[in-house]
PDB file of all heavy atoms in Angstrom:
ATOM      1  N   ALA A   1       4.439  10.169  67.487  1.00  0.00           N
ATOM      2  CA  ALA A   1       4.328  11.582  67.564  1.00  0.00           C
ATOM      3  C   ALA A   1       5.732  12.261  67.770  1.00  0.00           C
ATOM      4  O   ALA A   1       6.702  11.598  67.959  1.00  0.00           O
ATOM      5  CB  ALA A   1       3.453  11.933  68.854  1.00  0.00           C
ATOM      6  N   GLY A   2       5.788  13.492  67.736  1.00  0.00           N
ATOM      7  CA  GLY A   2       6.836  14.226  68.015  1.00  0.00           C
ATOM      8  C   GLY A   2       7.849  14.315  66.942  1.00  0.00           C
ATOM      9  O   GLY A   2       7.572  14.133  65.718  1.00  0.00           O
ATOM     10  N   PRO A   3       9.154  14.604  67.035  1.00  0.00           N
ATOM     11  CA  PRO A   3      10.219  14.792  66.167  1.00  0.00           C
ATOM     12  C   PRO A   3      10.206  13.583  65.125  1.00  0.00           C
ATOM     13  O   PRO A   3      10.630  13.823  63.885  1.00  0.00           O
ATOM     14  CB  PRO A   3      11.478  14.832  66.937  1.00  0.00           C
ATOM     15  CG  PRO A   3      11.147  15.329  68.261  1.00  0.00           C
ATOM     16  CD  PRO A   3       9.729  14.587  68.453  1.00  0.00           C
ATOM     17  N   GLY A   4       9.799  12.373  65.435  1.00  0.00           N
ATOM     18  CA  GLY A   4       9.905  11.315  64.542  1.00  0.00           C
ATOM     19  C   GLY A   4       8.735  11.060  63.777  1.00  0.00           C
ATOM     20  O   GLY A   4       8.537  10.171  62.989  1.00  0.00           O
ATOM     21  N   ALA A   5       7.741  12.110  63.874  1.00  0.00           N
ATOM     22  CA  ALA A   5       6.495  11.839  62.992  1.00  0.00           C
ATOM     23  C   ALA A   5       6.529  12.694  61.829  1.00  0.00           C
ATOM     24  O   ALA A   5       5.863  13.746  61.669  1.00  0.00           O
ATOM     25  CB  ALA A   5       5.300  12.405  63.862  1.00  0.00           C
ATOM     26  N   GLY A   6       7.344  12.266  60.782  1.00  0.00           N
ATOM     27  CA  GLY A   6       7.428  12.950  59.536  1.00  0.00           C
ATOM     28  C   GLY A   6       8.044  14.310  59.629  1.00  0.00           C
ATOM     29  O   GLY A   6       8.838  14.625  60.508  1.00  0.00           O
ATOM     30  N   ASP A   7       7.558  15.269  58.794  1.00  0.00           N
ATOM     31  CA  ASP A   7       8.177  16.631  58.807  1.00  0.00           C
ATOM     32  C   ASP A   7       7.221  17.518  59.323  1.00  0.00           C
ATOM     33  O   ASP A   7       7.331  18.758  59.410  1.00  0.00           O
ATOM     34  CB  ASP A   7       8.420  17.006  57.290  1.00  0.00           C
ATOM     35  CG  ASP A   7       9.327  16.144  56.641  1.00  0.00           C
ATOM     36  OD1 ASP A   7      10.295  15.690  57.229  1.00  0.00           O
ATOM     37  OD2 ASP A   7       9.125  15.924  55.389  1.00  0.00           O
ATOM     38  N   SER A   8       6.187  17.019  60.118  1.00  0.00           N
ATOM     39  CA  SER A   8       5.030  17.891  60.583  1.00  0.00           C
ATOM     40  C   SER A   8       5.319  18.666  61.907  1.00  0.00           C
ATOM     41  O   SER A   8       4.518  19.431  62.337  1.00  0.00           O
ATOM     42  CB  SER A   8       3.782  17.074  60.644  1.00  0.00           C
ATOM     43  OG  SER A   8       4.098  15.907  61.556  1.00  0.00           O
ATOM     44  N   GLY A   9       6.333  18.293  62.602  1.00  0.00           N
ATOM     45  CA  GLY A   9       6.593  19.093  63.924  1.00  0.00           C
ATOM     46  C   GLY A   9       6.251  18.208  65.059  1.00  0.00           C
ATOM     47  O   GLY A   9       5.707  17.074  64.963  1.00  0.00           O
ATOM     48  N   ALA A  10       6.541  18.721  66.273  1.00  0.00           N
ATOM     49  CA  ALA A  10       6.423  17.996  67.459  1.00  0.00           C
ATOM     50  C   ALA A  10       4.941  17.722  68.014  1.00  0.00           C
ATOM     51  O   ALA A  10       4.713  16.807  68.763  1.00  0.00           O
ATOM     52  CB  ALA A  10       7.137  18.626  68.660  1.00  0.00           C
ATOM     53  N   ASP A  11       4.042  18.593  67.616  1.00  0.00           N
ATOM     54  CA  ASP A  11       2.688  18.166  68.244  1.00  0.00           C
ATOM     55  C   ASP A  11       1.834  17.475  67.457  1.00  0.00           C
ATOM     56  O   ASP A  11       0.521  17.257  67.633  1.00  0.00           O
ATOM     57  CB  ASP A  11       1.935  19.376  68.762  1.00  0.00           C
ATOM     58  CG  ASP A  11       2.217  20.646  68.102  1.00  0.00           C
ATOM     59  OD1 ASP A  11       2.651  20.678  66.957  1.00  0.00           O
ATOM     60  OD2 ASP A  11       2.016  21.719  68.664  1.00  0.00           O
ATOM     61  N   SER A  12       2.198  16.730  66.312  1.00  0.00           N
ATOM     62  CA  SER A  12       1.300  15.923  65.525  1.00  0.00           C
ATOM     63  C   SER A  12       1.547  14.601  65.802  1.00  0.00           C
ATOM     64  O   SER A  12       2.555  14.075  66.230  1.00  0.00           O
ATOM     65  CB  SER A  12       1.566  16.211  64.084  1.00  0.00           C
ATOM     66  OG  SER A  12       2.910  15.750  63.700  1.00  0.00           O
ATOM     67  N   GLY A  13       0.441  13.748  65.609  1.00  0.00           N
ATOM     68  CA  GLY A  13       0.569  12.235  65.617  1.00  0.00           C
ATOM     69  C   GLY A  13       0.562  11.709  64.352  1.00  0.00           C
ATOM     70  O   GLY A  13      -0.272  11.705  63.701  1.00  0.00           O
ATOM     71  N   GLY A  14       1.722  10.905  64.040  1.00  0.00           N
ATOM     72  CA  GLY A  14       1.809  10.202  62.828  1.00  0.00           C
ATOM     73  C   GLY A  14       1.878  11.163  61.656  1.00  0.00           C
ATOM     74  O   GLY A  14       1.383  10.811  60.653  1.00  0.00           O
ATOM     75  N   GLY A  15       2.402  12.307  61.794  1.00  0.00           N
ATOM     76  CA  GLY A  15       2.500  13.172  60.656  1.00  0.00           C
ATOM     77  C   GLY A  15       1.457  14.278  60.533  1.00  0.00           C
ATOM     78  O   GLY A  15       0.840  14.623  61.559  1.00  0.00           O
ATOM     79  N   SER A  16       1.232  14.858  59.432  1.00  0.00           N
ATOM     80  CA  SER A  16       0.166  15.867  59.346  1.00  0.00           C
ATOM     81  C   SER A  16      -1.168  15.311  59.394  1.00  0.00           C
ATOM     82  O   SER A  16      -1.363  14.100  59.624  1.00  0.00           O
ATOM     83  CB  SER A  16       0.388  16.585  58.042  1.00  0.00           C
ATOM     84  OG  SER A  16       0.153  15.609  56.903  1.00  0.00           O
ATOM     85  N   GLY A  17      -2.230  16.125  59.254  1.00  0.00           N
ATOM     86  CA  GLY A  17      -3.579  15.573  59.485  1.00  0.00           C
ATOM     87  C   GLY A  17      -3.941  14.475  58.602  1.00  0.00           C
ATOM     88  O   GLY A  17      -4.585  13.330  59.017  1.00  0.00           O
ATOM     89  N   GLY A  18      -3.560  14.470  57.416  1.00  0.00           N
ATOM     90  CA  GLY A  18      -3.760  13.385  56.397  1.00  0.00           C
ATOM     91  C   GLY A  18      -2.979  12.205  56.785  1.00  0.00           C
ATOM     92  O   GLY A  18      -3.485  11.072  56.759  1.00  0.00           O
ATOM     93  N   THR A  19      -1.678  12.269  57.105  1.00  0.00           N
ATOM     94  CA  THR A  19      -0.865  11.169  57.417  1.00  0.00           C
ATOM     95  C   THR A  19      -1.373  10.584  58.715  1.00  0.00           C
ATOM     96  O   THR A  19      -1.334   9.395  58.917  1.00  0.00           O
ATOM     97  CB  THR A  19       0.603  11.583  57.392  1.00  0.00           C
ATOM     98  OG1 THR A  19       0.960  12.326  56.229  1.00  0.00           O
ATOM     99  CG2 THR A  19       1.465  10.259  57.483  1.00  0.00           C
ATOM    100  N   ALA A  20      -1.740  11.420  59.694  1.00  0.00           N
ATOM    101  CA  ALA A  20      -2.259  10.789  60.926  1.00  0.00           C
ATOM    102  C   ALA A  20      -3.555   9.951  60.693  1.00  0.00           C
ATOM    103  O   ALA A  20      -3.689   8.897  61.352  1.00  0.00           O
ATOM    104  CB  ALA A  20      -2.662  12.070  61.905  1.00  0.00           C
ATOM    105  N   ALA A  21      -4.421  10.456  59.847  1.00  0.00           N
ATOM    106  CA  ALA A  21      -5.555   9.565  59.494  1.00  0.00           C
ATOM    107  C   ALA A  21      -5.133   8.289  58.824  1.00  0.00           C
ATOM    108  O   ALA A  21      -5.742   7.245  59.070  1.00  0.00           O
ATOM    109  CB  ALA A  21      -6.396  10.333  58.617  1.00  0.00           C
ATOM    110  N   LEU A  22      -4.195   8.356  57.986  1.00  0.00           N
ATOM    111  CA  LEU A  22      -3.682   7.205  57.420  1.00  0.00           C
ATOM    112  C   LEU A  22      -3.010   6.160  58.348  1.00  0.00           C
ATOM    113  O   LEU A  22      -3.074   5.003  58.240  1.00  0.00           O
ATOM    114  CB  LEU A  22      -2.631   7.592  56.229  1.00  0.00           C
ATOM    115  CG  LEU A  22      -2.336   6.497  55.105  1.00  0.00           C
ATOM    116  CD1 LEU A  22      -3.635   6.316  54.373  1.00  0.00           C
ATOM    117  CD2 LEU A  22      -1.213   7.128  54.290  1.00  0.00           C
ATOM    118  N   ALA A  23      -2.248   6.706  59.333  1.00  0.00           N
ATOM    119  CA  ALA A  23      -1.456   5.966  60.402  1.00  0.00           C
ATOM    120  C   ALA A  23      -2.728   5.226  61.207  1.00  0.00           C
ATOM    121  O   ALA A  23      -2.678   4.015  61.377  1.00  0.00           O
ATOM    122  CB  ALA A  23      -0.750   6.795  61.284  1.00  0.00           C
ATOM    123  N   ASP A  24      -3.763   5.970  61.481  1.00  0.00           N
ATOM    124  CA  ASP A  24      -4.790   5.314  62.311  1.00  0.00           C
ATOM    125  C   ASP A  24      -5.468   4.285  61.330  1.00  0.00           C
ATOM    126  O   ASP A  24      -5.847   3.079  61.925  1.00  0.00           O
ATOM    127  CB  ASP A  24      -5.904   6.364  62.613  1.00  0.00           C
ATOM    128  CG  ASP A  24      -5.419   7.269  63.717  1.00  0.00           C
ATOM    129  OD1 ASP A  24      -4.435   6.945  64.405  1.00  0.00           O
ATOM    130  OD2 ASP A  24      -5.952   8.448  63.809  1.00  0.00           O
ATOM    131  N   ALA A  25      -5.652   4.414  60.199  1.00  0.00           N
ATOM    132  CA  ALA A  25      -6.314   3.482  59.227  1.00  0.00           C
ATOM    133  C   ALA A  25      -5.495   2.238  59.134  1.00  0.00           C
ATOM    134  O   ALA A  25      -5.951   1.032  59.115  1.00  0.00           O
ATOM    135  CB  ALA A  25      -6.494   4.060  57.976  1.00  0.00           C
ATOM    136  N   PHE A  26      -4.085   2.454  59.044  1.00  0.00           N
ATOM    137  CA  PHE A  26      -3.192   1.248  58.885  1.00  0.00           C
ATOM    138  C   PHE A  26      -3.282   0.455  60.222  1.00  0.00           C
ATOM    139  O   PHE A  26      -3.247  -0.798  60.166  1.00  0.00           O
ATOM    140  CB  PHE A  26      -1.806   1.776  58.744  1.00  0.00           C
ATOM    141  CG  PHE A  26      -0.765   0.600  58.455  1.00  0.00           C
ATOM    142  CD1 PHE A  26      -0.676  -0.071  57.304  1.00  0.00           C
ATOM    143  CD2 PHE A  26      -0.071   0.241  59.630  1.00  0.00           C
ATOM    144  CE1 PHE A  26       0.195  -1.170  57.199  1.00  0.00           C
ATOM    145  CE2 PHE A  26       0.924  -0.811  59.490  1.00  0.00           C
ATOM    146  CZ  PHE A  26       1.072  -1.522  58.284  1.00  0.00           C
ATOM    147  N   ILE A  27      -3.225   1.095  61.426  1.00  0.00           N
ATOM    148  CA  ILE A  27      -3.304   0.237  62.494  1.00  0.00           C
ATOM    149  C   ILE A  27      -4.610  -0.486  62.777  1.00  0.00           C
ATOM    150  O   ILE A  27      -4.727  -1.603  63.176  1.00  0.00           O
ATOM    151  CB  ILE A  27      -3.211   1.208  63.796  1.00  0.00           C
ATOM    152  CG1 ILE A  27      -1.777   1.865  63.905  1.00  0.00           C
ATOM    153  CG2 ILE A  27      -3.524   0.617  65.104  1.00  0.00           C
ATOM    154  CD1 ILE A  27      -1.466   2.890  64.729  1.00  0.00           C
ATOM    155  N   GLU A  28      -5.691   0.195  62.344  1.00  0.00           N
ATOM    156  CA  GLU A  28      -7.027  -0.464  62.245  1.00  0.00           C
ATOM    157  C   GLU A  28      -7.072  -1.701  61.346  1.00  0.00           C
ATOM    158  O   GLU A  28      -7.655  -2.649  61.683  1.00  0.00           O
ATOM    159  CB  GLU A  28      -8.077   0.547  61.870  1.00  0.00           C
ATOM    160  CG  GLU A  28      -9.509  -0.163  61.873  1.00  0.00           C
ATOM    161  CD  GLU A  28     -10.600   0.958  61.647  1.00  0.00           C
ATOM    162  OE1 GLU A  28     -10.294   2.122  61.560  1.00  0.00           O
ATOM    163  OE2 GLU A  28     -11.850   0.495  61.432  1.00  0.00           O
ATOM    164  N   PHE A  29      -6.337  -1.576  60.233  1.00  0.00           N
ATOM    165  CA  PHE A  29      -6.260  -2.636  59.231  1.00  0.00           C
ATOM    166  C   PHE A  29      -5.428  -3.821  59.913  1.00  0.00           C
ATOM    167  O   PHE A  29      -5.793  -4.970  59.813  1.00  0.00           O
ATOM    168  CB  PHE A  29      -5.517  -2.192  58.009  1.00  0.00           C
ATOM    169  CG  PHE A  29      -5.676  -3.036  56.845  1.00  0.00           C
ATOM    170  CD1 PHE A  29      -6.838  -2.918  56.003  1.00  0.00           C
ATOM    171  CD2 PHE A  29      -4.813  -4.087  56.538  1.00  0.00           C
ATOM    172  CE1 PHE A  29      -6.851  -3.644  54.818  1.00  0.00           C
ATOM    173  CE2 PHE A  29      -5.017  -4.891  55.444  1.00  0.00           C
ATOM    174  CZ  PHE A  29      -6.035  -4.755  54.627  1.00  0.00           C
ATOM    175  N   VAL A  30      -4.230  -3.509  60.533  1.00  0.00           N
ATOM    176  CA  VAL A  30      -3.480  -4.573  61.157  1.00  0.00           C
ATOM    177  C   VAL A  30      -4.304  -5.259  62.134  1.00  0.00           C
ATOM    178  O   VAL A  30      -4.191  -6.474  62.277  1.00  0.00           O
ATOM    179  CB  VAL A  30      -2.235  -3.904  61.693  1.00  0.00           C
ATOM    180  CG1 VAL A  30      -1.518  -4.993  62.678  1.00  0.00           C
ATOM    181  CG2 VAL A  30      -1.238  -3.504  60.568  1.00  0.00           C
ATOM    182  N   THR A  31      -5.030  -4.619  63.003  1.00  0.00           N
ATOM    183  CA  THR A  31      -5.681  -5.278  64.062  1.00  0.00           C
ATOM    184  C   THR A  31      -7.089  -5.733  63.688  1.00  0.00           C
ATOM    185  O   THR A  31      -7.763  -6.490  64.597  1.00  0.00           O
ATOM    186  CB  THR A  31      -5.952  -4.237  65.345  1.00  0.00           C
ATOM    187  OG1 THR A  31      -6.824  -3.134  64.702  1.00  0.00           O
ATOM    188  CG2 THR A  31      -4.707  -3.739  65.877  1.00  0.00           C
ATOM    189  N   GLY A  32      -7.603  -5.407  62.532  1.00  0.00           N
ATOM    190  CA  GLY A  32      -8.771  -5.970  61.902  1.00  0.00           C
ATOM    191  C   GLY A  32      -8.697  -7.338  61.408  1.00  0.00           C
ATOM    192  O   GLY A  32      -7.645  -7.926  61.321  1.00  0.00           O
ATOM    193  N   PRO A  33      -9.923  -7.821  60.913  1.00  0.00           N
ATOM    194  CA  PRO A  33      -9.851  -9.199  60.360  1.00  0.00           C
ATOM    195  C   PRO A  33      -8.818  -9.455  59.229  1.00  0.00           C
ATOM    196  O   PRO A  33      -8.266 -10.597  59.316  1.00  0.00           O
ATOM    197  CB  PRO A  33     -11.346  -9.356  59.795  1.00  0.00           C
ATOM    198  CG  PRO A  33     -12.131  -8.309  60.590  1.00  0.00           C
ATOM    199  CD  PRO A  33     -11.141  -7.120  60.757  1.00  0.00           C
ATOM    200  N   GLU A  34      -8.715  -8.623  58.424  1.00  0.00           N
ATOM    201  CA  GLU A  34      -7.741  -8.949  57.210  1.00  0.00           C
ATOM    202  C   GLU A  34      -6.311  -9.006  57.670  1.00  0.00           C
ATOM    203  O   GLU A  34      -5.598  -9.882  57.291  1.00  0.00           O
ATOM    204  CB  GLU A  34      -7.795  -7.856  56.079  1.00  0.00           C
ATOM    205  CG  GLU A  34      -9.068  -7.917  55.342  1.00  0.00           C
ATOM    206  CD  GLU A  34      -9.214  -7.033  54.152  1.00  0.00           C
ATOM    207  OE1 GLU A  34      -8.476  -7.310  53.040  1.00  0.00           O
ATOM    208  OE2 GLU A  34      -9.798  -5.969  54.163  1.00  0.00           O
ATOM    209  N   GLY A  35      -5.853  -8.027  58.504  1.00  0.00           N
ATOM    210  CA  GLY A  35      -4.544  -8.056  59.007  1.00  0.00           C
ATOM    211  C   GLY A  35      -4.339  -9.248  59.969  1.00  0.00           C
ATOM    212  O   GLY A  35      -3.310  -9.892  59.878  1.00  0.00           O
ATOM    213  N   GLN A  36      -5.234  -9.712  60.741  1.00  0.00           N
ATOM    214  CA  GLN A  36      -5.092 -10.801  61.663  1.00  0.00           C
ATOM    215  C   GLN A  36      -5.000 -12.084  60.925  1.00  0.00           C
ATOM    216  O   GLN A  36      -4.294 -12.977  61.258  1.00  0.00           O
ATOM    217  CB  GLN A  36      -6.324 -10.845  62.598  1.00  0.00           C
ATOM    218  CG  GLN A  36      -6.343  -9.587  63.700  1.00  0.00           C
ATOM    219  CD  GLN A  36      -5.097  -9.796  64.698  1.00  0.00           C
ATOM    220  OE1 GLN A  36      -4.814 -10.758  65.242  1.00  0.00           O
ATOM    221  NE2 GLN A  36      -4.133  -8.765  64.594  1.00  0.00           N
ATOM    222  N   GLU A  37      -5.724 -12.175  59.739  1.00  0.00           N
ATOM    223  CA  GLU A  37      -5.643 -13.450  58.984  1.00  0.00           C
ATOM    224  C   GLU A  37      -4.275 -13.445  58.303  1.00  0.00           C
ATOM    225  O   GLU A  37      -3.627 -14.684  58.396  1.00  0.00           O
ATOM    226  CB  GLU A  37      -6.686 -13.259  57.762  1.00  0.00           C
ATOM    227  CG  GLU A  37      -6.649 -14.479  56.876  1.00  0.00           C
ATOM    228  CD  GLU A  37      -7.773 -14.341  55.625  1.00  0.00           C
ATOM    229  OE1 GLU A  37      -8.421 -13.479  55.640  1.00  0.00           O
ATOM    230  OE2 GLU A  37      -7.589 -15.191  54.756  1.00  0.00           O
ATOM    231  N   VAL A  38      -3.680 -12.386  57.870  1.00  0.00           N
ATOM    232  CA  VAL A  38      -2.416 -12.439  57.276  1.00  0.00           C
ATOM    233  C   VAL A  38      -1.342 -12.879  58.448  1.00  0.00           C
ATOM    234  O   VAL A  38      -0.427 -13.656  58.188  1.00  0.00           O
ATOM    235  CB  VAL A  38      -1.883 -11.174  56.733  1.00  0.00           C
ATOM    236  CG1 VAL A  38      -0.453 -11.132  56.276  1.00  0.00           C
ATOM    237  CG2 VAL A  38      -2.793 -10.826  55.393  1.00  0.00           C
ATOM    238  N   LEU A  39      -1.435 -12.233  59.488  1.00  0.00           N
ATOM    239  CA  LEU A  39      -0.567 -12.589  60.636  1.00  0.00           C
ATOM    240  C   LEU A  39      -0.639 -14.026  61.085  1.00  0.00           C
ATOM    241  O   LEU A  39       0.496 -14.611  61.398  1.00  0.00           O
ATOM    242  CB  LEU A  39      -0.786 -11.645  61.808  1.00  0.00           C
ATOM    243  CG  LEU A  39      -0.417 -10.137  61.658  1.00  0.00           C
ATOM    244  CD1 LEU A  39      -1.085  -9.133  62.687  1.00  0.00           C
ATOM    245  CD2 LEU A  39       1.060 -10.039  61.857  1.00  0.00           C
ATOM    246  N   ALA A  40      -1.758 -14.567  61.188  1.00  0.00           N
ATOM    247  CA  ALA A  40      -2.098 -15.859  61.448  1.00  0.00           C
ATOM    248  C   ALA A  40      -1.393 -16.882  60.441  1.00  0.00           C
ATOM    249  O   ALA A  40      -0.684 -17.873  60.769  1.00  0.00           O
ATOM    250  CB  ALA A  40      -3.445 -16.316  61.564  1.00  0.00           C
ATOM    251  N   ASP A  41      -1.480 -16.478  59.062  1.00  0.00           N
ATOM    252  CA  ASP A  41      -0.750 -17.398  58.047  1.00  0.00           C
ATOM    253  C   ASP A  41       0.672 -17.315  58.236  1.00  0.00           C
ATOM    254  O   ASP A  41       1.398 -18.212  57.779  1.00  0.00           O
ATOM    255  CB  ASP A  41      -1.166 -16.670  56.700  1.00  0.00           C
ATOM    256  CG  ASP A  41      -2.670 -16.977  56.292  1.00  0.00           C
ATOM    257  OD1 ASP A  41      -3.319 -17.870  56.999  1.00  0.00           O
ATOM    258  OD2 ASP A  41      -3.107 -16.303  55.388  1.00  0.00           O
TER     259      ASP A  41
END
């Protein structure tokens, strides 16, 4: 969030609305079965 979150300004999380949703999806992917399988490998 904040100044490091893309070009969207200080009160957004992970960028603008669409990028924030993408960030949440990526985190879910990493912590989900597919991501965990790759990490274990």
